[in-house]
N, C-alpha and C. Protein backbone atom coordinates (compact mmCIF):
# COMPACT_ATOMS: atom_id res chain seq x y z
N MET A 1 0.83 -1.21 0.00
CA MET A 1 0.00 0.00 0.00
C MET A 1 0.86 1.25 0.00
N GLY A 2 2.00 1.16 0.71
CA GLY A 2 2.89 2.31 0.81
C GLY A 2 3.37 2.80 -0.53
N ILE A 3 3.72 1.85 -1.42
CA ILE A 3 4.25 2.23 -2.73
C ILE A 3 3.18 2.94 -3.56
N TYR A 4 1.92 2.53 -3.41
CA TYR A 4 0.85 3.18 -4.15
C TYR A 4 0.66 4.62 -3.67
N VAL A 5 0.82 4.83 -2.37
CA VAL A 5 0.74 6.19 -1.82
C VAL A 5 1.86 7.05 -2.38
N ILE A 6 3.08 6.49 -2.43
CA ILE A 6 4.24 7.23 -2.95
C ILE A 6 4.03 7.59 -4.41
N LEU A 7 3.58 6.62 -5.21
CA LEU A 7 3.34 6.88 -6.63
C LEU A 7 2.26 7.94 -6.81
N GLY A 8 1.21 7.85 -5.98
CA GLY A 8 0.14 8.84 -6.06
C GLY A 8 0.63 10.24 -5.72
N VAL A 9 1.50 10.32 -4.72
CA VAL A 9 2.06 11.61 -4.33
C VAL A 9 2.89 12.20 -5.46
N PHE A 10 3.70 11.36 -6.11
CA PHE A 10 4.53 11.85 -7.21
C PHE A 10 3.68 12.29 -8.40
N MET A 11 2.59 11.57 -8.65
CA MET A 11 1.69 11.97 -9.74
C MET A 11 1.08 13.34 -9.45
N LEU A 12 0.70 13.56 -8.20
CA LEU A 12 0.12 14.84 -7.81
C LEU A 12 1.16 15.96 -7.93
N ILE A 13 2.37 15.69 -7.43
CA ILE A 13 3.44 16.70 -7.50
C ILE A 13 3.76 17.03 -8.96
N SER A 14 3.84 15.98 -9.79
CA SER A 14 4.13 16.19 -11.21
C SER A 14 3.07 17.07 -11.87
N TRP A 15 1.82 16.83 -11.53
CA TRP A 15 0.72 17.63 -12.09
C TRP A 15 0.81 19.07 -11.62
N LEU A 16 1.09 19.27 -10.33
CA LEU A 16 1.18 20.62 -9.78
C LEU A 16 2.34 21.39 -10.40
N VAL A 17 3.50 20.72 -10.56
CA VAL A 17 4.66 21.38 -11.16
C VAL A 17 4.38 21.73 -12.61
N SER A 18 3.72 20.80 -13.33
CA SER A 18 3.38 21.05 -14.73
C SER A 18 2.44 22.25 -14.85
N MET A 19 1.44 22.33 -13.99
CA MET A 19 0.52 23.45 -14.01
C MET A 19 1.23 24.76 -13.68
N ARG A 20 2.14 24.69 -12.71
CA ARG A 20 2.89 25.89 -12.33
C ARG A 20 3.80 26.35 -13.47
N LEU A 21 4.43 25.39 -14.15
CA LEU A 21 5.29 25.71 -15.28
C LEU A 21 4.50 26.39 -16.40
N LYS A 22 3.34 25.83 -16.73
CA LYS A 22 2.51 26.42 -17.79
C LYS A 22 2.06 27.82 -17.40
N SER A 23 1.73 28.00 -16.13
CA SER A 23 1.31 29.31 -15.65
C SER A 23 2.43 30.33 -15.77
N LYS A 24 3.64 29.92 -15.39
CA LYS A 24 4.79 30.82 -15.44
C LYS A 24 5.12 31.21 -16.88
N PHE A 25 5.14 30.22 -17.77
CA PHE A 25 5.48 30.51 -19.15
C PHE A 25 4.40 31.35 -19.83
N LYS A 26 3.14 31.13 -19.46
CA LYS A 26 2.06 31.95 -20.00
C LYS A 26 2.24 33.40 -19.54
N GLN A 27 2.60 33.54 -18.26
CA GLN A 27 2.80 34.87 -17.70
C GLN A 27 3.95 35.60 -18.39
N TYR A 28 5.09 34.91 -18.53
CA TYR A 28 6.27 35.56 -19.09
C TYR A 28 6.21 35.65 -20.62
N SER A 29 5.32 34.86 -21.23
CA SER A 29 5.13 34.98 -22.67
C SER A 29 4.39 36.25 -23.04
N GLU A 30 3.75 36.86 -22.04
CA GLU A 30 3.01 38.09 -22.28
C GLU A 30 3.82 39.32 -21.91
N VAL A 31 5.07 39.09 -21.46
CA VAL A 31 5.95 40.21 -21.10
C VAL A 31 6.88 40.49 -22.28
N ALA A 32 6.72 41.64 -22.89
CA ALA A 32 7.54 41.99 -24.05
C ALA A 32 9.01 42.11 -23.66
N PHE A 33 9.87 41.56 -24.48
CA PHE A 33 11.30 41.58 -24.23
C PHE A 33 11.85 42.96 -24.58
N ARG A 34 12.59 43.55 -23.64
CA ARG A 34 13.09 44.91 -23.82
C ARG A 34 13.92 45.08 -25.10
N GLY A 35 14.74 44.09 -25.38
CA GLY A 35 15.62 44.17 -26.55
C GLY A 35 14.89 43.99 -27.87
N ASN A 36 13.61 43.61 -27.80
CA ASN A 36 12.79 43.40 -28.99
C ASN A 36 13.44 42.42 -29.97
N MET A 37 14.14 41.42 -29.44
CA MET A 37 14.78 40.39 -30.26
C MET A 37 13.91 39.13 -30.26
N THR A 38 13.88 38.45 -31.36
CA THR A 38 13.15 37.18 -31.43
C THR A 38 13.99 36.08 -30.78
N GLY A 39 13.35 34.94 -30.53
CA GLY A 39 14.09 33.81 -29.98
C GLY A 39 15.22 33.39 -30.89
N ALA A 40 14.98 33.44 -32.20
CA ALA A 40 16.01 33.07 -33.17
C ALA A 40 17.20 34.03 -33.11
N GLN A 41 16.91 35.30 -32.93
CA GLN A 41 17.98 36.29 -32.84
C GLN A 41 18.77 36.14 -31.54
N ILE A 42 18.06 35.83 -30.46
CA ILE A 42 18.72 35.56 -29.18
C ILE A 42 19.68 34.38 -29.34
N ALA A 43 19.18 33.32 -29.97
CA ALA A 43 20.00 32.11 -30.18
C ALA A 43 21.23 32.42 -31.02
N ALA A 44 21.04 33.18 -32.09
CA ALA A 44 22.15 33.52 -32.97
C ALA A 44 23.21 34.32 -32.23
N LYS A 45 22.79 35.27 -31.41
CA LYS A 45 23.75 36.10 -30.67
C LYS A 45 24.50 35.28 -29.63
N MET A 46 23.80 34.39 -28.92
CA MET A 46 24.47 33.58 -27.90
C MET A 46 25.49 32.64 -28.53
N LEU A 47 25.13 32.04 -29.66
CA LEU A 47 26.08 31.16 -30.35
C LEU A 47 27.30 31.96 -30.82
N ALA A 48 27.06 33.13 -31.38
CA ALA A 48 28.16 33.97 -31.87
C ALA A 48 29.08 34.41 -30.72
N ASP A 49 28.47 34.79 -29.60
CA ASP A 49 29.25 35.24 -28.45
C ASP A 49 30.10 34.11 -27.86
N ASN A 50 29.70 32.86 -28.12
CA ASN A 50 30.46 31.71 -27.64
C ASN A 50 31.32 31.09 -28.74
N ASP A 51 31.48 31.85 -29.85
CA ASP A 51 32.34 31.43 -30.97
C ASP A 51 31.91 30.09 -31.57
N ILE A 52 30.61 29.86 -31.60
CA ILE A 52 30.07 28.64 -32.21
C ILE A 52 29.52 29.00 -33.58
N THR A 53 30.12 28.47 -34.62
CA THR A 53 29.75 28.83 -35.99
C THR A 53 29.18 27.66 -36.80
N ASP A 54 29.21 26.46 -36.22
CA ASP A 54 28.77 25.28 -36.98
C ASP A 54 27.42 24.75 -36.53
N VAL A 55 26.65 25.56 -35.82
CA VAL A 55 25.32 25.15 -35.34
C VAL A 55 24.26 26.02 -36.03
N LYS A 56 23.24 25.36 -36.59
CA LYS A 56 22.17 26.07 -37.27
C LYS A 56 20.97 26.26 -36.33
N ILE A 57 20.23 27.30 -36.58
CA ILE A 57 19.01 27.57 -35.81
C ILE A 57 17.83 27.36 -36.74
N VAL A 58 16.95 26.43 -36.38
CA VAL A 58 15.83 26.11 -37.27
C VAL A 58 14.52 26.13 -36.49
N SER A 59 13.44 26.34 -37.23
CA SER A 59 12.10 26.31 -36.64
C SER A 59 11.49 24.95 -36.91
N VAL A 60 10.96 24.32 -35.86
CA VAL A 60 10.33 23.00 -36.00
C VAL A 60 8.88 23.10 -35.57
N GLU A 61 8.04 22.32 -36.22
CA GLU A 61 6.60 22.36 -35.94
C GLU A 61 6.27 21.83 -34.54
N GLY A 62 5.16 22.31 -34.02
CA GLY A 62 4.66 21.80 -32.75
C GLY A 62 4.90 22.77 -31.60
N GLN A 63 4.31 22.43 -30.46
CA GLN A 63 4.49 23.21 -29.23
C GLN A 63 5.41 22.46 -28.29
N LEU A 64 6.23 23.19 -27.57
CA LEU A 64 7.19 22.61 -26.63
C LEU A 64 8.12 21.62 -27.33
N THR A 65 8.48 21.91 -28.56
CA THR A 65 9.37 21.04 -29.34
C THR A 65 10.80 21.56 -29.36
N ASP A 66 11.07 22.55 -28.53
CA ASP A 66 12.40 23.16 -28.49
C ASP A 66 13.43 22.17 -27.96
N HIS A 67 14.53 22.00 -28.68
CA HIS A 67 15.60 21.11 -28.24
C HIS A 67 16.85 21.34 -29.08
N TYR A 68 17.96 20.83 -28.56
CA TYR A 68 19.22 20.88 -29.31
C TYR A 68 19.53 19.49 -29.80
N ASN A 69 19.87 19.37 -31.09
CA ASN A 69 20.21 18.08 -31.69
C ASN A 69 21.73 18.01 -31.86
N PRO A 70 22.42 17.24 -31.02
CA PRO A 70 23.89 17.19 -31.10
C PRO A 70 24.41 16.46 -32.33
N ILE A 71 23.58 15.61 -32.94
CA ILE A 71 24.02 14.88 -34.13
C ILE A 71 24.01 15.80 -35.35
N GLU A 72 22.91 16.51 -35.53
CA GLU A 72 22.79 17.41 -36.67
C GLU A 72 23.32 18.81 -36.37
N LYS A 73 23.62 19.05 -35.09
CA LYS A 73 24.10 20.36 -34.64
C LYS A 73 23.12 21.47 -35.03
N THR A 74 21.92 21.31 -34.52
CA THR A 74 20.88 22.31 -34.77
C THR A 74 20.19 22.68 -33.46
N VAL A 75 19.93 23.97 -33.30
CA VAL A 75 19.09 24.45 -32.20
C VAL A 75 17.69 24.54 -32.78
N ASN A 76 16.83 23.65 -32.34
CA ASN A 76 15.47 23.56 -32.89
C ASN A 76 14.50 24.31 -31.98
N LEU A 77 13.85 25.30 -32.53
CA LEU A 77 12.92 26.13 -31.76
C LEU A 77 11.51 26.00 -32.33
N SER A 78 10.54 25.91 -31.44
CA SER A 78 9.14 25.88 -31.88
C SER A 78 8.81 27.22 -32.54
N PRO A 79 7.80 27.27 -33.40
CA PRO A 79 7.46 28.52 -34.10
C PRO A 79 7.25 29.70 -33.15
N GLU A 80 6.60 29.44 -32.00
CA GLU A 80 6.32 30.51 -31.05
C GLU A 80 7.61 31.10 -30.50
N VAL A 81 8.57 30.25 -30.16
CA VAL A 81 9.84 30.72 -29.60
C VAL A 81 10.72 31.32 -30.69
N TYR A 82 10.73 30.69 -31.85
CA TYR A 82 11.57 31.15 -32.96
C TYR A 82 11.26 32.61 -33.34
N ALA A 83 9.98 32.92 -33.43
CA ALA A 83 9.58 34.26 -33.85
C ALA A 83 9.13 35.15 -32.69
N GLY A 84 9.00 34.56 -31.51
CA GLY A 84 8.49 35.31 -30.36
C GLY A 84 9.47 36.33 -29.83
N ARG A 85 8.93 37.35 -29.16
CA ARG A 85 9.76 38.43 -28.63
C ARG A 85 9.49 38.66 -27.14
N SER A 86 9.15 37.59 -26.43
CA SER A 86 8.85 37.72 -25.01
C SER A 86 10.03 37.24 -24.17
N VAL A 87 9.95 37.49 -22.86
CA VAL A 87 10.98 37.04 -21.94
C VAL A 87 11.07 35.51 -21.94
N ALA A 88 9.92 34.85 -21.99
CA ALA A 88 9.90 33.38 -22.01
C ALA A 88 10.60 32.85 -23.25
N ASP A 89 10.36 33.47 -24.40
CA ASP A 89 11.00 33.04 -25.65
C ASP A 89 12.52 33.19 -25.55
N ALA A 90 12.96 34.30 -24.97
CA ALA A 90 14.40 34.54 -24.81
C ALA A 90 15.03 33.48 -23.89
N ALA A 91 14.32 33.13 -22.81
CA ALA A 91 14.84 32.15 -21.85
C ALA A 91 14.97 30.78 -22.50
N VAL A 92 13.94 30.36 -23.24
CA VAL A 92 13.97 29.04 -23.88
C VAL A 92 15.06 28.97 -24.94
N ALA A 93 15.16 30.01 -25.78
CA ALA A 93 16.16 30.03 -26.83
C ALA A 93 17.57 29.97 -26.24
N ALA A 94 17.80 30.73 -25.19
CA ALA A 94 19.12 30.74 -24.56
C ALA A 94 19.42 29.39 -23.91
N HIS A 95 18.41 28.77 -23.31
CA HIS A 95 18.59 27.47 -22.70
C HIS A 95 19.02 26.42 -23.72
N GLU A 96 18.35 26.39 -24.86
CA GLU A 96 18.71 25.41 -25.90
C GLU A 96 20.12 25.68 -26.44
N CYS A 97 20.49 26.95 -26.52
CA CYS A 97 21.86 27.27 -26.93
C CYS A 97 22.85 26.86 -25.85
N GLY A 98 22.38 26.81 -24.60
CA GLY A 98 23.24 26.32 -23.52
C GLY A 98 23.70 24.90 -23.79
N HIS A 99 22.81 24.10 -24.39
CA HIS A 99 23.19 22.73 -24.77
C HIS A 99 24.23 22.74 -25.89
N ALA A 100 24.09 23.67 -26.81
CA ALA A 100 25.06 23.78 -27.90
C ALA A 100 26.43 24.15 -27.35
N VAL A 101 26.45 25.03 -26.34
CA VAL A 101 27.71 25.41 -25.70
C VAL A 101 28.30 24.20 -24.97
N GLN A 102 27.45 23.42 -24.31
CA GLN A 102 27.92 22.20 -23.65
C GLN A 102 28.60 21.28 -24.66
N HIS A 103 27.97 21.12 -25.80
CA HIS A 103 28.51 20.25 -26.85
C HIS A 103 29.87 20.77 -27.33
N ALA A 104 29.93 22.07 -27.56
CA ALA A 104 31.18 22.66 -28.04
C ALA A 104 32.30 22.56 -27.01
N ARG A 105 31.93 22.58 -25.74
CA ARG A 105 32.93 22.51 -24.66
C ARG A 105 33.14 21.08 -24.15
N ALA A 106 32.54 20.11 -24.83
CA ALA A 106 32.66 18.69 -24.45
C ALA A 106 32.25 18.46 -23.00
N TYR A 107 31.09 18.98 -22.64
CA TYR A 107 30.57 18.80 -21.29
C TYR A 107 30.31 17.31 -21.03
N MET A 108 30.90 16.79 -19.97
CA MET A 108 30.90 15.36 -19.70
C MET A 108 29.51 14.74 -19.63
N TRP A 109 28.59 15.39 -18.90
CA TRP A 109 27.27 14.79 -18.70
C TRP A 109 26.46 14.75 -19.99
N LEU A 110 26.64 15.76 -20.86
CA LEU A 110 25.95 15.73 -22.15
C LEU A 110 26.47 14.58 -23.00
N GLY A 111 27.80 14.36 -22.98
CA GLY A 111 28.38 13.25 -23.72
C GLY A 111 27.87 11.91 -23.23
N MET A 112 27.74 11.78 -21.91
CA MET A 112 27.24 10.54 -21.33
C MET A 112 25.79 10.31 -21.73
N ARG A 113 24.99 11.36 -21.67
CA ARG A 113 23.57 11.22 -22.04
C ARG A 113 23.42 10.83 -23.50
N SER A 114 24.22 11.42 -24.36
CA SER A 114 24.15 11.10 -25.79
C SER A 114 24.49 9.64 -26.05
N LYS A 115 25.47 9.11 -25.32
CA LYS A 115 25.86 7.71 -25.48
C LYS A 115 24.78 6.75 -24.99
N LEU A 116 23.98 7.22 -24.04
CA LEU A 116 22.93 6.36 -23.47
C LEU A 116 21.67 6.31 -24.33
N VAL A 117 21.52 7.27 -25.24
CA VAL A 117 20.28 7.39 -26.01
C VAL A 117 19.88 6.10 -26.73
N PRO A 118 20.78 5.42 -27.47
CA PRO A 118 20.36 4.20 -28.18
C PRO A 118 19.82 3.12 -27.23
N ALA A 119 20.52 2.90 -26.11
CA ALA A 119 20.09 1.89 -25.15
C ALA A 119 18.76 2.26 -24.51
N VAL A 120 18.60 3.53 -24.18
CA VAL A 120 17.37 3.99 -23.54
C VAL A 120 16.20 3.93 -24.52
N SER A 121 16.46 4.22 -25.78
CA SER A 121 15.41 4.13 -26.80
C SER A 121 14.90 2.70 -26.92
N PHE A 122 15.82 1.75 -26.90
CA PHE A 122 15.44 0.33 -26.95
C PHE A 122 14.65 -0.05 -25.71
N ALA A 123 15.16 0.36 -24.54
CA ALA A 123 14.50 0.02 -23.28
C ALA A 123 13.09 0.60 -23.21
N SER A 124 12.94 1.85 -23.64
CA SER A 124 11.64 2.52 -23.58
C SER A 124 10.61 1.86 -24.48
N GLN A 125 11.08 1.28 -25.57
CA GLN A 125 10.18 0.68 -26.54
C GLN A 125 9.57 -0.63 -26.05
N TYR A 126 10.32 -1.37 -25.25
CA TYR A 126 9.87 -2.72 -24.88
C TYR A 126 9.62 -2.94 -23.38
N MET A 127 10.12 -2.06 -22.52
CA MET A 127 10.11 -2.38 -21.10
C MET A 127 8.70 -2.51 -20.51
N GLN A 128 7.74 -1.69 -20.95
CA GLN A 128 6.41 -1.77 -20.36
C GLN A 128 5.76 -3.12 -20.61
N TRP A 129 5.95 -3.65 -21.84
CA TRP A 129 5.38 -4.96 -22.17
C TRP A 129 6.09 -6.06 -21.40
N ILE A 130 7.40 -5.93 -21.26
CA ILE A 130 8.17 -6.95 -20.53
C ILE A 130 7.83 -6.91 -19.05
N LEU A 131 7.68 -5.71 -18.50
CA LEU A 131 7.31 -5.59 -17.08
C LEU A 131 5.92 -6.19 -16.83
N LEU A 132 4.97 -5.90 -17.72
CA LEU A 132 3.62 -6.43 -17.57
C LEU A 132 3.64 -7.96 -17.64
N ALA A 133 4.33 -8.49 -18.65
CA ALA A 133 4.43 -9.94 -18.78
C ALA A 133 5.15 -10.55 -17.59
N GLY A 134 6.16 -9.84 -17.10
CA GLY A 134 6.92 -10.33 -15.95
C GLY A 134 6.10 -10.41 -14.69
N VAL A 135 5.24 -9.40 -14.47
CA VAL A 135 4.38 -9.39 -13.28
C VAL A 135 3.35 -10.52 -13.37
N LEU A 136 2.78 -10.73 -14.56
CA LEU A 136 1.75 -11.74 -14.75
C LEU A 136 2.29 -13.16 -14.66
N THR A 137 3.55 -13.33 -15.02
CA THR A 137 4.12 -14.70 -15.06
C THR A 137 5.27 -14.87 -14.07
N ILE A 138 5.28 -14.07 -13.01
CA ILE A 138 6.42 -14.06 -12.11
C ILE A 138 6.66 -15.42 -11.43
N THR A 139 5.59 -16.16 -11.17
CA THR A 139 5.77 -17.46 -10.51
C THR A 139 6.36 -18.50 -11.46
N VAL A 140 6.21 -18.28 -12.76
CA VAL A 140 6.72 -19.23 -13.76
C VAL A 140 8.05 -18.76 -14.35
N PHE A 141 8.09 -17.47 -14.72
CA PHE A 141 9.31 -16.89 -15.31
C PHE A 141 9.75 -15.67 -14.50
N PRO A 142 10.27 -15.88 -13.30
CA PRO A 142 10.62 -14.75 -12.43
C PRO A 142 11.66 -13.80 -13.03
N TYR A 143 12.56 -14.35 -13.86
CA TYR A 143 13.63 -13.50 -14.38
C TYR A 143 13.20 -12.65 -15.57
N LEU A 144 11.98 -12.88 -16.06
CA LEU A 144 11.44 -11.99 -17.09
C LEU A 144 11.18 -10.61 -16.48
N LEU A 145 10.64 -10.60 -15.25
CA LEU A 145 10.41 -9.35 -14.55
C LEU A 145 11.75 -8.68 -14.23
N LEU A 146 12.73 -9.48 -13.86
CA LEU A 146 14.05 -8.92 -13.57
C LEU A 146 14.63 -8.23 -14.80
N PHE A 147 14.44 -8.83 -15.96
CA PHE A 147 14.92 -8.23 -17.20
C PHE A 147 14.22 -6.88 -17.44
N GLY A 148 12.90 -6.86 -17.19
CA GLY A 148 12.15 -5.61 -17.33
C GLY A 148 12.65 -4.56 -16.36
N ILE A 149 12.99 -4.98 -15.14
CA ILE A 149 13.52 -4.05 -14.13
C ILE A 149 14.85 -3.46 -14.58
N ILE A 150 15.67 -4.28 -15.19
CA ILE A 150 16.97 -3.80 -15.69
C ILE A 150 16.76 -2.74 -16.77
N LEU A 151 15.80 -3.00 -17.66
CA LEU A 151 15.49 -2.02 -18.71
C LEU A 151 14.97 -0.72 -18.10
N PHE A 152 14.09 -0.86 -17.10
CA PHE A 152 13.53 0.33 -16.46
C PHE A 152 14.62 1.09 -15.71
N ALA A 153 15.55 0.36 -15.12
CA ALA A 153 16.66 0.99 -14.40
C ALA A 153 17.50 1.84 -15.35
N ALA A 154 17.63 1.38 -16.58
CA ALA A 154 18.39 2.16 -17.58
C ALA A 154 17.72 3.49 -17.85
N THR A 155 16.39 3.48 -17.97
CA THR A 155 15.68 4.74 -18.23
C THR A 155 15.70 5.65 -16.99
N THR A 156 15.67 5.05 -15.81
CA THR A 156 15.76 5.83 -14.57
C THR A 156 17.13 6.49 -14.46
N PHE A 157 18.17 5.73 -14.76
CA PHE A 157 19.53 6.28 -14.74
C PHE A 157 19.65 7.43 -15.73
N PHE A 158 19.04 7.27 -16.90
CA PHE A 158 19.05 8.32 -17.91
C PHE A 158 18.37 9.59 -17.38
N SER A 159 17.28 9.42 -16.64
CA SER A 159 16.57 10.57 -16.07
C SER A 159 17.46 11.35 -15.12
N PHE A 160 18.26 10.64 -14.35
CA PHE A 160 19.14 11.32 -13.39
C PHE A 160 20.36 11.94 -14.07
N VAL A 161 20.85 11.31 -15.14
CA VAL A 161 21.95 11.89 -15.91
C VAL A 161 21.49 13.18 -16.59
N THR A 162 20.21 13.22 -16.95
CA THR A 162 19.65 14.40 -17.60
C THR A 162 19.65 15.63 -16.69
N LEU A 163 19.54 15.42 -15.39
CA LEU A 163 19.43 16.55 -14.45
C LEU A 163 20.60 17.53 -14.54
N PRO A 164 21.85 17.07 -14.38
CA PRO A 164 22.95 18.05 -14.49
C PRO A 164 23.04 18.70 -15.86
N VAL A 165 22.63 17.97 -16.91
CA VAL A 165 22.65 18.54 -18.26
C VAL A 165 21.68 19.72 -18.36
N GLU A 166 20.48 19.53 -17.84
CA GLU A 166 19.47 20.58 -17.93
C GLU A 166 19.79 21.77 -17.02
N PHE A 167 20.24 21.50 -15.80
CA PHE A 167 20.58 22.57 -14.88
C PHE A 167 21.76 23.38 -15.40
N ASP A 168 22.75 22.70 -15.94
CA ASP A 168 23.93 23.40 -16.46
C ASP A 168 23.57 24.26 -17.67
N ALA A 169 22.70 23.74 -18.55
CA ALA A 169 22.29 24.52 -19.72
C ALA A 169 21.57 25.79 -19.29
N SER A 170 20.72 25.69 -18.27
CA SER A 170 20.03 26.87 -17.76
C SER A 170 21.01 27.86 -17.13
N ASN A 171 21.98 27.33 -16.39
CA ASN A 171 22.97 28.21 -15.77
C ASN A 171 23.79 28.95 -16.82
N ARG A 172 24.17 28.25 -17.89
CA ARG A 172 24.92 28.90 -18.97
C ARG A 172 24.06 29.96 -19.65
N ALA A 173 22.78 29.64 -19.84
CA ALA A 173 21.88 30.60 -20.48
C ALA A 173 21.72 31.85 -19.64
N LEU A 174 21.48 31.66 -18.35
CA LEU A 174 21.26 32.80 -17.46
C LEU A 174 22.53 33.65 -17.31
N ALA A 175 23.68 32.99 -17.24
CA ALA A 175 24.94 33.72 -17.14
C ALA A 175 25.17 34.58 -18.37
N TRP A 176 24.86 34.02 -19.54
CA TRP A 176 25.04 34.78 -20.78
C TRP A 176 24.05 35.93 -20.87
N LEU A 177 22.79 35.67 -20.52
CA LEU A 177 21.77 36.72 -20.57
C LEU A 177 22.16 37.90 -19.69
N GLU A 178 22.82 37.60 -18.57
CA GLU A 178 23.21 38.65 -17.63
C GLU A 178 24.46 39.39 -18.11
N THR A 179 25.50 38.65 -18.46
CA THR A 179 26.78 39.28 -18.82
C THR A 179 26.72 39.98 -20.18
N SER A 180 25.87 39.50 -21.06
CA SER A 180 25.77 40.11 -22.39
C SER A 180 24.96 41.41 -22.37
N GLY A 181 24.24 41.62 -21.28
CA GLY A 181 23.42 42.81 -21.18
C GLY A 181 22.16 42.74 -22.02
N VAL A 182 21.80 41.54 -22.46
CA VAL A 182 20.62 41.36 -23.30
C VAL A 182 19.34 41.61 -22.51
N THR A 183 19.35 41.20 -21.24
CA THR A 183 18.15 41.36 -20.41
C THR A 183 18.38 42.40 -19.32
N SER A 184 17.31 43.04 -18.91
CA SER A 184 17.37 43.93 -17.75
C SER A 184 17.36 43.05 -16.50
N SER A 185 17.59 43.64 -15.35
CA SER A 185 17.60 42.87 -14.10
C SER A 185 16.25 42.22 -13.84
N GLN A 186 15.18 42.93 -14.16
CA GLN A 186 13.83 42.38 -13.96
C GLN A 186 13.56 41.23 -14.93
N GLU A 187 13.94 41.41 -16.19
CA GLU A 187 13.76 40.35 -17.18
C GLU A 187 14.59 39.13 -16.83
N HIS A 188 15.78 39.37 -16.29
CA HIS A 188 16.66 38.25 -15.92
C HIS A 188 16.03 37.41 -14.82
N GLU A 189 15.41 38.06 -13.85
CA GLU A 189 14.75 37.32 -12.78
C GLU A 189 13.57 36.52 -13.31
N MET A 190 12.85 37.06 -14.28
CA MET A 190 11.74 36.33 -14.89
C MET A 190 12.25 35.10 -15.64
N ALA A 191 13.32 35.29 -16.41
CA ALA A 191 13.91 34.17 -17.15
C ALA A 191 14.40 33.09 -16.19
N LYS A 192 15.00 33.52 -15.10
CA LYS A 192 15.50 32.58 -14.09
C LYS A 192 14.36 31.78 -13.47
N ASP A 193 13.27 32.46 -13.18
CA ASP A 193 12.11 31.80 -12.59
C ASP A 193 11.50 30.79 -13.56
N ALA A 194 11.39 31.18 -14.83
CA ALA A 194 10.81 30.28 -15.84
C ALA A 194 11.66 29.02 -16.00
N LEU A 195 12.97 29.19 -16.08
CA LEU A 195 13.86 28.03 -16.26
C LEU A 195 13.92 27.17 -15.01
N LYS A 196 13.74 27.78 -13.85
CA LYS A 196 13.72 27.01 -12.60
C LYS A 196 12.56 26.02 -12.60
N TRP A 197 11.38 26.49 -13.02
CA TRP A 197 10.22 25.61 -13.04
C TRP A 197 10.31 24.56 -14.14
N ALA A 198 10.97 24.92 -15.24
CA ALA A 198 11.20 23.93 -16.29
C ALA A 198 12.10 22.83 -15.78
N ALA A 199 13.14 23.20 -15.02
CA ALA A 199 14.06 22.21 -14.46
C ALA A 199 13.37 21.31 -13.44
N MET A 200 12.41 21.87 -12.72
CA MET A 200 11.70 21.09 -11.70
C MET A 200 10.94 19.92 -12.32
N THR A 201 10.48 20.07 -13.56
CA THR A 201 9.77 18.96 -14.21
C THR A 201 10.69 17.76 -14.39
N TYR A 202 11.98 18.03 -14.67
CA TYR A 202 12.95 16.94 -14.81
C TYR A 202 13.25 16.28 -13.47
N VAL A 203 13.30 17.08 -12.43
CA VAL A 203 13.54 16.53 -11.08
C VAL A 203 12.41 15.61 -10.67
N VAL A 204 11.19 16.08 -10.85
CA VAL A 204 10.02 15.27 -10.48
C VAL A 204 9.97 13.99 -11.32
N ALA A 205 10.27 14.10 -12.62
CA ALA A 205 10.25 12.93 -13.50
C ALA A 205 11.28 11.89 -13.05
N ALA A 206 12.46 12.36 -12.66
CA ALA A 206 13.51 11.44 -12.22
C ALA A 206 13.12 10.74 -10.92
N LEU A 207 12.60 11.48 -9.97
CA LEU A 207 12.20 10.90 -8.69
C LEU A 207 11.01 9.96 -8.86
N SER A 208 10.08 10.32 -9.74
CA SER A 208 8.94 9.45 -10.02
C SER A 208 9.39 8.15 -10.67
N SER A 209 10.36 8.25 -11.57
CA SER A 209 10.89 7.05 -12.22
C SER A 209 11.56 6.15 -11.19
N LEU A 210 12.30 6.75 -10.25
CA LEU A 210 12.96 5.97 -9.21
C LEU A 210 11.94 5.27 -8.31
N ALA A 211 10.88 5.98 -7.96
CA ALA A 211 9.83 5.38 -7.12
C ALA A 211 9.17 4.21 -7.82
N THR A 212 8.91 4.36 -9.12
CA THR A 212 8.29 3.27 -9.89
C THR A 212 9.23 2.09 -10.00
N LEU A 213 10.52 2.36 -10.19
CA LEU A 213 11.52 1.30 -10.24
C LEU A 213 11.53 0.50 -8.94
N LEU A 214 11.51 1.19 -7.83
CA LEU A 214 11.51 0.52 -6.53
C LEU A 214 10.24 -0.31 -6.33
N TYR A 215 9.15 0.16 -6.91
CA TYR A 215 7.89 -0.58 -6.84
C TYR A 215 8.04 -1.95 -7.52
N TYR A 216 8.62 -1.97 -8.72
CA TYR A 216 8.80 -3.23 -9.43
C TYR A 216 9.83 -4.12 -8.74
N VAL A 217 10.84 -3.51 -8.16
CA VAL A 217 11.84 -4.28 -7.41
C VAL A 217 11.17 -4.95 -6.21
N SER A 218 10.28 -4.24 -5.54
CA SER A 218 9.59 -4.80 -4.38
C SER A 218 8.72 -5.99 -4.79
N ILE A 219 8.08 -5.89 -5.96
CA ILE A 219 7.27 -7.01 -6.46
C ILE A 219 8.15 -8.22 -6.70
N PHE A 220 9.29 -8.01 -7.33
CA PHE A 220 10.21 -9.10 -7.64
C PHE A 220 10.70 -9.77 -6.38
N LEU A 221 11.10 -8.99 -5.39
CA LEU A 221 11.63 -9.55 -4.15
C LEU A 221 10.55 -10.24 -3.32
N ARG A 222 9.34 -9.72 -3.39
CA ARG A 222 8.24 -10.26 -2.59
C ARG A 222 7.69 -11.56 -3.14
N ARG A 223 7.73 -11.72 -4.48
CA ARG A 223 7.07 -12.87 -5.10
C ARG A 223 8.02 -13.93 -5.63
N ARG A 224 9.29 -13.74 -5.40
CA ARG A 224 10.25 -14.74 -5.90
C ARG A 224 9.96 -16.12 -5.28
């Protein structure tokens, strides 16, 4: 019963953090950026200031699709961020460029996360079915559940490796926004607040994944 309470608590926390994040970004998306620069222009300036010339800035379809692709070396911004001129757009664009700076500086945690992607992609594709089959047949094939737990552990480990990558990218973004003089002190605090709540979603996801992993481990140990 205890594990169900823990999982329920994490689901509630995840929902609250998600709602808070959406609220913050909605709020700061309505605050006009003093520099009147678009997200794409912010990204271009941050890359230039960090002497990065081999990364392209592109607009990708969808909402919340902003990300950095280390293979293609592209900063991918959603249409709203790419053309937007709000404080939230500036924060997101700078954050994604923070990943590009990590790549250029050979940041250890980003390299580790990139190496884990193929294994995690495989694990994510099959682990739910293997875990379900493992729970249903644990008395006959106990090690099937163990295999599923190993796959889930890989995705949990990936979630925790992601944390320093995301926090560092935000720190690089905020440091640049401040030292470059792109944002005013008030805008900088807004950008900091927005990125803080974005980072919290990764923290909650990692802890929730760990709690779920422990749940399956408890089933395996209890029913062996």
